[in-house]
Amino acid sequence: MLLLGGVAAFLYLSAPSLEEGLEKTERQWSLFKDSGDAKYPELRGYLWEDALRAAEARPWFGWGLGSYAHVQLVYAGEKLRLIGDGGVPPLVEFAHNDYLQWLVEFGIIGTLLLLLPPVAAVIKVCRTGQVGILASWIGIGLLAFLFTAAIDFPFGNPALALTALWLGALGYGASQRAGGKGKIEKKWKEKTTEK
């Protein structure tokens, strides 16, 4: 009952934001349907192509934190420039793909360092073989978050990024408790049988 009350309070408090998001989505969809060309939906694909070109120019260490918006203007392709005024592309602050944006800003080495902790945690959790229900649900939510990062930029929002890190730590801790319980009992039995 408490959970339902929390969900209701969340929906009530976030209703204006949700309505605004729905209206924006409807406007974008009608723009896509009404215009004979598909320029707007292709914007994301153009940004991804340009991000790959920019990452290719400095593959190992990237261009630096927060540099994407500036680098994007330099590496914008012809397709993206046509969406603007023909010469200057529209200014876009995010690549709409966190992984590509990390490649542009941090390069291969920085991106691998960012991905190393969650990948190592997943490997360790999978090796234990025992994952509790709480860790499973948290893991599913984090996988959805990581999937979203491939088509949008949730890590660009500090609140979302910190929440994902916090949930990752909770999920890892829950999996360790579920997987570690058997190991502790086994060690205890070994110690007590030795005496």
C-alpha atoms as a PDB file:
ATOM      1  CA  MET A   1       0.000   0.000   0.000  1.00  0.00           C
ATOM      2  CA  LEU A   2       2.904   2.308   0.830  1.00  0.00           C
ATOM      3  CA  LEU A   3       4.422   1.617  -2.586  1.00  0.00           C
ATOM      4  CA  LEU A   4       1.159   2.573  -4.343  1.00  0.00           C
ATOM      5  CA  GLY A   5       1.000   5.772  -2.305  1.00  0.00           C
ATOM      6  CA  GLY A   6       4.573   6.608  -3.300  1.00  0.00           C
ATOM      7  CA  VAL A   7       3.828   5.984  -6.984  1.00  0.00           C
ATOM      8  CA  ALA A   8       0.694   8.144  -6.793  1.00  0.00           C
ATOM      9  CA  ALA A   9       2.621  10.978  -5.107  1.00  0.00           C
ATOM     10  CA  PHE A  10       5.366  10.738  -7.730  1.00  0.00           C
ATOM     11  CA  LEU A  11       2.859  10.882 -10.596  1.00  0.00           C
ATOM     12  CA  TYR A  12       1.044  13.820  -9.007  1.00  0.00           C
ATOM     13  CA  LEU A  13       4.246  15.796  -8.460  1.00  0.00           C
ATOM     14  CA  SER A  14       5.706  15.006 -11.862  1.00  0.00           C
ATOM     15  CA  ALA A  15       2.460  15.505 -13.834  1.00  0.00           C
ATOM     16  CA  PRO A  16       3.440  18.913 -15.291  1.00  0.00           C
ATOM     17  CA  SER A  17       6.778  17.574 -16.492  1.00  0.00           C
ATOM     18  CA  LEU A  18       5.185  14.430 -17.927  1.00  0.00           C
ATOM     19  CA  GLU A  19       2.515  16.461 -19.746  1.00  0.00           C
ATOM     20  CA  GLU A  20       5.177  18.746 -21.217  1.00  0.00           C
ATOM     21  CA  GLY A  21       7.175  15.724 -22.374  1.00  0.00           C
ATOM     22  CA  LEU A  22       4.109  14.169 -23.991  1.00  0.00           C
ATOM     23  CA  GLU A  23       3.237  17.412 -25.790  1.00  0.00           C
ATOM     24  CA  LYS A  24       6.810  17.730 -27.069  1.00  0.00           C
ATOM     25  CA  THR A  25       6.773  14.130 -28.298  1.00  0.00           C
ATOM     26  CA  GLU A  26       3.438  14.699 -30.088  1.00  0.00           C
ATOM     27  CA  ARG A  27       4.821  17.850 -31.759  1.00  0.00           C
ATOM     28  CA  GLN A  28       7.923  16.009 -32.908  1.00  0.00           C
ATOM     29  CA  TRP A  29       5.885  13.085 -34.211  1.00  0.00           C
ATOM     30  CA  SER A  30       3.516  15.370 -36.127  1.00  0.00           C
ATOM     31  CA  LEU A  31       6.525  17.223 -37.558  1.00  0.00           C
ATOM     32  CA  PHE A  32       7.897  13.910 -38.755  1.00  0.00           C
ATOM     33  CA  LYS A  33       4.570  12.772 -40.247  1.00  0.00           C
ATOM     34  CA  ASP A  34       3.668  16.103 -41.858  1.00  0.00           C
ATOM     35  CA  SER A  35       7.007  16.906 -43.432  1.00  0.00           C
ATOM     36  CA  GLY A  36       7.812  14.999 -46.582  1.00  0.00           C
ATOM     37  CA  ASP A  37      11.455  14.753 -45.589  1.00  0.00           C
ATOM     38  CA  ALA A  38      12.814  12.922 -42.582  1.00  0.00           C
ATOM     39  CA  LYS A  39      15.359  15.555 -41.549  1.00  0.00           C
ATOM     40  CA  TYR A  40      14.356  15.775 -37.922  1.00  0.00           C
ATOM     41  CA  PRO A  41      14.505  12.061 -37.020  1.00  0.00           C
ATOM     42  CA  GLU A  42      17.739  11.645 -38.965  1.00  0.00           C
ATOM     43  CA  LEU A  43      19.430  14.335 -36.870  1.00  0.00           C
ATOM     44  CA  ARG A  44      20.478  11.715 -34.331  1.00  0.00           C
ATOM     45  CA  GLY A  45      22.045   9.527 -37.005  1.00  0.00           C
ATOM     46  CA  TYR A  46      23.922  12.507 -38.427  1.00  0.00           C
ATOM     47  CA  LEU A  47      25.221  13.376 -34.965  1.00  0.00           C
ATOM     48  CA  TRP A  48      26.433   9.806 -34.496  1.00  0.00           C
ATOM     49  CA  GLU A  49      28.275   9.830 -37.843  1.00  0.00           C
ATOM     50  CA  ASP A  50      29.924  13.133 -36.972  1.00  0.00           C
ATOM     51  CA  ALA A  51      30.826  11.928 -33.460  1.00  0.00           C
ATOM     52  CA  LEU A  52      32.599   8.906 -34.942  1.00  0.00           C
ATOM     53  CA  ARG A  53      34.603  11.196 -37.234  1.00  0.00           C
ATOM     54  CA  ALA A  54      35.542  13.445 -34.313  1.00  0.00           C
ATOM     55  CA  ALA A  55      36.535  10.442 -32.174  1.00  0.00           C
ATOM     56  CA  GLU A  56      38.627   9.107 -35.042  1.00  0.00           C
ATOM     57  CA  ALA A  57      40.606  12.362 -35.114  1.00  0.00           C
ATOM     58  CA  ARG A  58      41.736  11.908 -31.467  1.00  0.00           C
ATOM     59  CA  PRO A  59      41.077   8.250 -30.706  1.00  0.00           C
ATOM     60  CA  TRP A  60      43.110   7.579 -27.551  1.00  0.00           C
ATOM     61  CA  PHE A  61      42.426  10.469 -25.152  1.00  0.00           C
ATOM     62  CA  GLY A  62      39.671  12.440 -26.914  1.00  0.00           C
ATOM     63  CA  TRP A  63      39.099  16.171 -26.991  1.00  0.00           C
ATOM     64  CA  GLY A  64      38.488  16.786 -23.285  1.00  0.00           C
ATOM     65  CA  LEU A  65      35.613  17.004 -20.842  1.00  0.00           C
ATOM     66  CA  GLY A  66      32.716  19.123 -22.133  1.00  0.00           C
ATOM     67  CA  SER A  67      34.233  19.583 -25.574  1.00  0.00           C
ATOM     68  CA  TYR A  68      31.537  17.805 -27.590  1.00  0.00           C
ATOM     69  CA  ALA A  69      29.446  20.900 -28.396  1.00  0.00           C
ATOM     70  CA  HIS A  70      32.487  22.686 -29.836  1.00  0.00           C
ATOM     71  CA  VAL A  71      33.945  19.677 -31.638  1.00  0.00           C
ATOM     72  CA  GLN A  72      30.545  18.866 -33.136  1.00  0.00           C
ATOM     73  CA  LEU A  73      30.512  22.200 -34.978  1.00  0.00           C
ATOM     74  CA  VAL A  74      33.901  21.446 -36.544  1.00  0.00           C
ATOM     75  CA  TYR A  75      33.153  17.843 -37.556  1.00  0.00           C
ATOM     76  CA  ALA A  76      29.548  18.380 -38.646  1.00  0.00           C
ATOM     77  CA  GLY A  77      28.935  16.709 -41.977  1.00  0.00           C
ATOM     78  CA  GLU A  78      27.165  18.075 -45.003  1.00  0.00           C
ATOM     79  CA  LYS A  79      23.850  16.446 -44.063  1.00  0.00           C
ATOM     80  CA  LEU A  80      23.820  18.177 -40.699  1.00  0.00           C
ATOM     81  CA  ARG A  81      24.854  21.510 -42.210  1.00  0.00           C
ATOM     82  CA  LEU A  82      21.872  21.334 -44.594  1.00  0.00           C
ATOM     83  CA  ILE A  83      19.539  21.150 -41.593  1.00  0.00           C
ATOM     84  CA  GLY A  84      20.988  24.461 -40.402  1.00  0.00           C
ATOM     85  CA  ASP A  85      21.301  27.364 -42.818  1.00  0.00           C
ATOM     86  CA  GLY A  86      23.363  25.379 -45.305  1.00  0.00           C
ATOM     87  CA  GLY A  87      26.715  26.510 -43.928  1.00  0.00           C
ATOM     88  CA  VAL A  88      26.548  26.510 -40.161  1.00  0.00           C
ATOM     89  CA  PRO A  89      25.128  23.377 -38.515  1.00  0.00           C
ATOM     90  CA  PRO A  90      22.703  23.650 -35.621  1.00  0.00           C
ATOM     91  CA  LEU A  91      24.426  23.790 -32.236  1.00  0.00           C
ATOM     92  CA  VAL A  92      23.851  20.524 -30.409  1.00  0.00           C
ATOM     93  CA  GLU A  93      25.276  20.008 -26.926  1.00  0.00           C
ATOM     94  CA  PHE A  94      24.900  16.226 -26.710  1.00  0.00           C
ATOM     95  CA  ALA A  95      25.503  13.366 -29.136  1.00  0.00           C
ATOM     96  CA  HIS A  96      22.257  11.617 -28.078  1.00  0.00           C
ATOM     97  CA  ASN A  97      24.470   8.614 -27.334  1.00  0.00           C
ATOM     98  CA  ASP A  98      26.522   8.764 -24.156  1.00  0.00           C
ATOM     99  CA  TYR A  99      29.017   6.160 -25.352  1.00  0.00           C
ATOM    100  CA  LEU A 100      29.832   8.083 -28.544  1.00  0.00           C
ATOM    101  CA  GLN A 101      30.045  11.311 -26.594  1.00  0.00           C
ATOM    102  CA  TRP A 102      32.486   9.652 -24.171  1.00  0.00           C
ATOM    103  CA  LEU A 103      34.573   8.535 -27.147  1.00  0.00           C
ATOM    104  CA  VAL A 104      34.708  12.122 -28.416  1.00  0.00           C
ATOM    105  CA  GLU A 105      35.463  13.673 -25.030  1.00  0.00           C
ATOM    106  CA  PHE A 106      37.568  10.969 -23.309  1.00  0.00           C
ATOM    107  CA  GLY A 107      38.806   8.774 -26.159  1.00  0.00           C
ATOM    108  CA  ILE A 108      39.109   5.001 -26.059  1.00  0.00           C
ATOM    109  CA  ILE A 109      41.180   4.944 -22.871  1.00  0.00           C
ATOM    110  CA  GLY A 110      38.835   7.237 -20.922  1.00  0.00           C
ATOM    111  CA  THR A 111      35.742   5.377 -22.134  1.00  0.00           C
ATOM    112  CA  LEU A 112      37.244   2.037 -21.095  1.00  0.00           C
ATOM    113  CA  LEU A 113      38.075   3.477 -17.672  1.00  0.00           C
ATOM    114  CA  LEU A 114      34.467   4.670 -17.308  1.00  0.00           C
ATOM    115  CA  LEU A 115      33.105   1.277 -18.331  1.00  0.00           C
ATOM    116  CA  LEU A 116      35.587  -0.806 -16.315  1.00  0.00           C
ATOM    117  CA  PRO A 117      33.844  -0.655 -12.888  1.00  0.00           C
ATOM    118  CA  PRO A 118      30.367  -1.731 -14.065  1.00  0.00           C
ATOM    119  CA  VAL A 119      31.799  -4.411 -16.358  1.00  0.00           C
ATOM    120  CA  ALA A 120      34.012  -5.752 -13.554  1.00  0.00           C
ATOM    121  CA  ALA A 121      31.019  -5.769 -11.175  1.00  0.00           C
ATOM    122  CA  VAL A 122      28.876  -7.666 -13.703  1.00  0.00           C
ATOM    123  CA  ILE A 123      31.642 -10.238 -14.239  1.00  0.00           C
ATOM    124  CA  LYS A 124      32.103 -10.716 -10.498  1.00  0.00           C
ATOM    125  CA  VAL A 125      28.361 -11.041  -9.899  1.00  0.00           C
ATOM    126  CA  CYS A 126      28.022 -13.568 -12.745  1.00  0.00           C
ATOM    127  CA  ARG A 127      30.915 -15.626 -11.364  1.00  0.00           C
ATOM    128  CA  THR A 128      29.237 -16.043  -7.963  1.00  0.00           C
ATOM    129  CA  GLY A 129      26.226 -17.624  -9.646  1.00  0.00           C
ATOM    130  CA  GLN A 130      23.877 -16.558  -6.858  1.00  0.00           C
ATOM    131  CA  VAL A 131      22.020 -13.322  -7.253  1.00  0.00           C
ATOM    132  CA  GLY A 132      19.137 -12.343  -5.005  1.00  0.00           C
ATOM    133  CA  ILE A 133      15.823 -10.962  -6.205  1.00  0.00           C
ATOM    134  CA  LEU A 134      16.696  -7.395  -5.164  1.00  0.00           C
ATOM    135  CA  ALA A 135      19.971  -7.452  -7.120  1.00  0.00           C
ATOM    136  CA  SER A 136      18.145  -8.940 -10.117  1.00  0.00           C
ATOM    137  CA  TRP A 137      15.558  -6.157 -10.245  1.00  0.00           C
ATOM    138  CA  ILE A 138      18.167  -3.460  -9.723  1.00  0.00           C
ATOM    139  CA  GLY A 139      20.247  -5.078 -12.460  1.00  0.00           C
ATOM    140  CA  ILE A 140      17.326  -5.034 -14.889  1.00  0.00           C
ATOM    141  CA  GLY A 141      16.769  -1.336 -14.174  1.00  0.00           C
ATOM    142  CA  LEU A 142      20.452  -0.561 -14.700  1.00  0.00           C
ATOM    143  CA  LEU A 143      20.512  -2.499 -17.975  1.00  0.00           C
ATOM    144  CA  ALA A 144      17.555  -0.414 -19.166  1.00  0.00           C
ATOM    145  CA  PHE A 145      19.452   2.723 -18.118  1.00  0.00           C
ATOM    146  CA  LEU A 146      22.581   1.592 -20.014  1.00  0.00           C
ATOM    147  CA  PHE A 147      20.473   0.802 -23.077  1.00  0.00           C
ATOM    148  CA  THR A 148      18.949   4.278 -22.910  1.00  0.00           C
ATOM    149  CA  ALA A 149      22.477   5.726 -22.852  1.00  0.00           C
ATOM    150  CA  ALA A 150      22.987   4.279 -26.353  1.00  0.00           C
ATOM    151  CA  ILE A 151      20.120   6.321 -27.810  1.00  0.00           C
ATOM    152  CA  ASP A 152      19.998   9.343 -25.519  1.00  0.00           C
ATOM    153  CA  PHE A 153      22.137  11.033 -22.869  1.00  0.00           C
ATOM    154  CA  PRO A 154      20.990  10.098 -19.335  1.00  0.00           C
ATOM    155  CA  PHE A 155      24.557  10.409 -18.008  1.00  0.00           C
ATOM    156  CA  GLY A 156      24.421  14.082 -19.029  1.00  0.00           C
ATOM    157  CA  ASN A 157      22.013  14.645 -16.141  1.00  0.00           C
ATOM    158  CA  PRO A 158      23.998  14.545 -12.872  1.00  0.00           C
ATOM    159  CA  ALA A 159      20.981  13.400 -10.851  1.00  0.00           C
ATOM    160  CA  LEU A 160      20.408  10.426 -13.159  1.00  0.00           C
ATOM    161  CA  ALA A 161      24.105   9.559 -13.319  1.00  0.00           C
ATOM    162  CA  LEU A 162      24.433   9.597  -9.517  1.00  0.00           C
ATOM    163  CA  THR A 163      21.243   7.558  -9.158  1.00  0.00           C
ATOM    164  CA  ALA A 164      22.587   4.961 -11.605  1.00  0.00           C
ATOM    165  CA  LEU A 165      25.871   4.767  -9.690  1.00  0.00           C
ATOM    166  CA  TRP A 166      24.015   4.481  -6.391  1.00  0.00           C
ATOM    167  CA  LEU A 167      21.752   1.734  -7.748  1.00  0.00           C
ATOM    168  CA  GLY A 168      24.802  -0.038  -9.155  1.00  0.00           C
ATOM    169  CA  ALA A 169      26.421  -0.037  -5.731  1.00  0.00           C
ATOM    170  CA  LEU A 170      23.177  -1.256  -4.111  1.00  0.00           C
ATOM    171  CA  GLY A 171      22.787  -4.024  -6.678  1.00  0.00           C
ATOM    172  CA  TYR A 172      26.394  -5.102  -6.266  1.00  0.00           C
ATOM    173  CA  GLY A 173      26.044  -5.125  -2.485  1.00  0.00           C
ATOM    174  CA  ALA A 174      22.797  -7.108  -2.668  1.00  0.00           C
ATOM    175  CA  SER A 175      24.380  -9.656  -4.999  1.00  0.00           C
ATOM    176  CA  GLN A 176      27.385  -9.999  -2.685  1.00  0.00           C
ATOM    177  CA  ARG A 177      25.087 -10.652   0.268  1.00  0.00           C
ATOM    178  CA  ALA A 178      23.136 -13.252  -1.730  1.00  0.00           C
ATOM    179  CA  GLY A 179      26.244 -14.878  -3.196  1.00  0.00           C
ATOM    180  CA  GLY A 180      28.470 -14.454  -0.170  1.00  0.00           C
ATOM    181  CA  LYS A 181      26.123 -16.059   2.358  1.00  0.00           C
ATOM    182  CA  GLY A 182      26.996 -19.582   1.206  1.00  0.00           C
ATOM    183  CA  LYS A 183      30.738 -18.858   1.282  1.00  0.00           C
ATOM    184  CA  ILE A 184      30.596 -17.553   4.852  1.00  0.00           C
ATOM    185  CA  GLU A 185      28.629 -20.602   6.018  1.00  0.00           C
ATOM    186  CA  LYS A 186      31.074 -22.917   4.214  1.00  0.00           C
ATOM    187  CA  LYS A 187      34.101 -21.262   5.878  1.00  0.00           C
ATOM    188  CA  TRP A 188      32.362 -21.437   9.268  1.00  0.00           C
ATOM    189  CA  LYS A 189      31.696 -25.166   8.834  1.00  0.00           C
ATOM    190  CA  GLU A 190      35.304 -25.747   7.790  1.00  0.00           C
ATOM    191  CA  LYS A 191      36.597 -23.941  10.889  1.00  0.00           C
ATOM    192  CA  THR A 192      34.242 -25.743  13.254  1.00  0.00           C
ATOM    193  CA  THR A 193      35.018 -29.211  11.821  1.00  0.00           C
ATOM    194  CA  GLU A 194      38.772 -28.594  12.159  1.00  0.00           C
ATOM    195  CA  LYS A 195      38.420 -28.232  15.952  1.00  0.00           C
END
